[in-house]
């Protein structure tokens, strides 16, 4: 019986280590996913900034044309 108890503790520790290994892998996957989301967000912010710049330029051109035609 004492032999079973002696084997039980290392077995439980092994199972805990396996669970921790799985959690570490899941955490690494989550971090990778977050990095992908951050990258996508940065790309969208850059695109929005570019679009805002183009819209500003179009607005200036329209204003200039309005001045020329006297509107």
C-alpha atoms as a PDB file:
ATOM      1  CA  UNK A   1       0.000   0.000   0.000  1.00  0.00           C
ATOM      2  CA  UNK A   2       2.845   2.394   0.839  1.00  0.00           C
ATOM      3  CA  UNK A   3       4.258   1.705  -2.626  1.00  0.00           C
ATOM      4  CA  UNK A   4       0.989   2.845  -4.227  1.00  0.00           C
ATOM      5  CA  UNK A   5       1.045   6.089  -2.256  1.00  0.00           C
ATOM      6  CA  UNK A   6       4.684   6.683  -3.232  1.00  0.00           C
ATOM      7  CA  UNK A   7       3.743   6.252  -6.890  1.00  0.00           C
ATOM      8  CA  UNK A   8       0.622   8.378  -6.597  1.00  0.00           C
ATOM      9  CA  UNK A   9       2.434  11.632  -5.770  1.00  0.00           C
ATOM     10  CA  UNK A  10       4.879  11.534  -8.726  1.00  0.00           C
ATOM     11  CA  UNK A  11       1.988  10.537 -11.002  1.00  0.00           C
ATOM     12  CA  UNK A  12      -0.064  13.525  -9.873  1.00  0.00           C
ATOM     13  CA  UNK A  13       2.934  15.818 -10.327  1.00  0.00           C
ATOM     14  CA  UNK A  14       3.434  14.461 -13.853  1.00  0.00           C
ATOM     15  CA  UNK A  15      -0.214  15.120 -14.688  1.00  0.00           C
ATOM     16  CA  UNK A  16       0.064  18.664 -13.299  1.00  0.00           C
ATOM     17  CA  UNK A  17       3.180  19.247 -15.432  1.00  0.00           C
ATOM     18  CA  UNK A  18       1.312  18.034 -18.512  1.00  0.00           C
ATOM     19  CA  UNK A  19      -1.588  20.376 -17.744  1.00  0.00           C
ATOM     20  CA  UNK A  20       0.816  23.285 -17.281  1.00  0.00           C
ATOM     21  CA  UNK A  21       2.498  22.450 -20.578  1.00  0.00           C
ATOM     22  CA  UNK A  22      -0.879  22.542 -22.311  1.00  0.00           C
ATOM     23  CA  UNK A  23      -1.713  25.868 -20.682  1.00  0.00           C
ATOM     24  CA  UNK A  24       1.627  27.318 -21.792  1.00  0.00           C
ATOM     25  CA  UNK A  25       0.959  26.219 -25.369  1.00  0.00           C
ATOM     26  CA  UNK A  26      -2.544  27.738 -25.258  1.00  0.00           C
ATOM     27  CA  UNK A  27      -1.125  30.973 -23.876  1.00  0.00           C
ATOM     28  CA  UNK A  28       1.481  31.105 -26.638  1.00  0.00           C
ATOM     29  CA  UNK A  29      -1.289  30.628 -29.236  1.00  0.00           C
ATOM     30  CA  UNK A  30      -3.345  33.400 -27.618  1.00  0.00           C
ATOM     31  CA  UNK A  31      -0.361  35.749 -27.652  1.00  0.00           C
ATOM     32  CA  UNK A  32       0.209  34.994 -31.319  1.00  0.00           C
ATOM     33  CA  UNK A  33      -3.447  35.721 -32.034  1.00  0.00           C
ATOM     34  CA  UNK A  34      -3.242  39.019 -30.170  1.00  0.00           C
ATOM     35  CA  UNK A  35      -0.149  39.967 -32.160  1.00  0.00           C
ATOM     36  CA  UNK A  36      -2.060  39.235 -35.383  1.00  0.00           C
ATOM     37  CA  UNK A  37      -4.981  41.406 -34.243  1.00  0.00           C
ATOM     38  CA  UNK A  38      -2.596  44.246 -33.342  1.00  0.00           C
ATOM     39  CA  UNK A  39      -0.971  43.989 -36.757  1.00  0.00           C
ATOM     40  CA  UNK A  40      -4.350  44.068 -38.502  1.00  0.00           C
ATOM     41  CA  UNK A  41      -5.430  47.037 -36.407  1.00  0.00           C
ATOM     42  CA  UNK A  42      -2.261  48.946 -37.268  1.00  0.00           C
ATOM     43  CA  UNK A  43      -2.884  48.256 -40.959  1.00  0.00           C
ATOM     44  CA  UNK A  44      -6.444  49.533 -40.695  1.00  0.00           C
ATOM     45  CA  UNK A  45      -5.338  52.644 -38.822  1.00  0.00           C
ATOM     46  CA  UNK A  46      -2.769  53.351 -41.518  1.00  0.00           C
ATOM     47  CA  UNK A  47      -5.397  52.880 -44.222  1.00  0.00           C
ATOM     48  CA  UNK A  48      -7.840  55.202 -42.445  1.00  0.00           C
ATOM     49  CA  UNK A  49      -5.164  57.854 -42.071  1.00  0.00           C
ATOM     50  CA  UNK A  50      -4.411  57.580 -45.789  1.00  0.00           C
ATOM     51  CA  UNK A  51      -8.091  57.846 -46.681  1.00  0.00           C
ATOM     52  CA  UNK A  52      -8.520  60.878 -44.416  1.00  0.00           C
ATOM     53  CA  UNK A  53      -5.591  62.534 -46.182  1.00  0.00           C
ATOM     54  CA  UNK A  54      -7.104  61.864 -49.607  1.00  0.00           C
ATOM     55  CA  UNK A  55     -10.512  63.150 -48.470  1.00  0.00           C
ATOM     56  CA  UNK A  56      -8.849  66.301 -47.177  1.00  0.00           C
ATOM     57  CA  UNK A  57      -7.137  66.836 -50.536  1.00  0.00           C
ATOM     58  CA  UNK A  58     -10.412  66.312 -52.420  1.00  0.00           C
ATOM     59  CA  UNK A  59     -12.145  68.786 -50.103  1.00  0.00           C
ATOM     60  CA  UNK A  60      -9.483  71.404 -50.873  1.00  0.00           C
ATOM     61  CA  UNK A  61      -9.839  70.820 -54.618  1.00  0.00           C
ATOM     62  CA  UNK A  62     -13.630  71.111 -54.447  1.00  0.00           C
ATOM     63  CA  UNK A  63     -13.263  74.332 -52.457  1.00  0.00           C
ATOM     64  CA  UNK A  64     -10.863  75.685 -55.051  1.00  0.00           C
ATOM     65  CA  UNK A  65     -13.253  74.765 -57.883  1.00  0.00           C
ATOM     66  CA  UNK A  66     -16.147  76.396 -56.034  1.00  0.00           C
ATOM     67  CA  UNK A  67     -14.138  79.597 -55.733  1.00  0.00           C
ATOM     68  CA  UNK A  68     -13.329  79.508 -59.466  1.00  0.00           C
ATOM     69  CA  UNK A  69     -16.953  79.092 -60.529  1.00  0.00           C
ATOM     70  CA  UNK A  70     -18.196  81.584 -57.929  1.00  0.00           C
ATOM     71  CA  UNK A  71     -20.356  79.243 -55.910  1.00  0.00           C
END
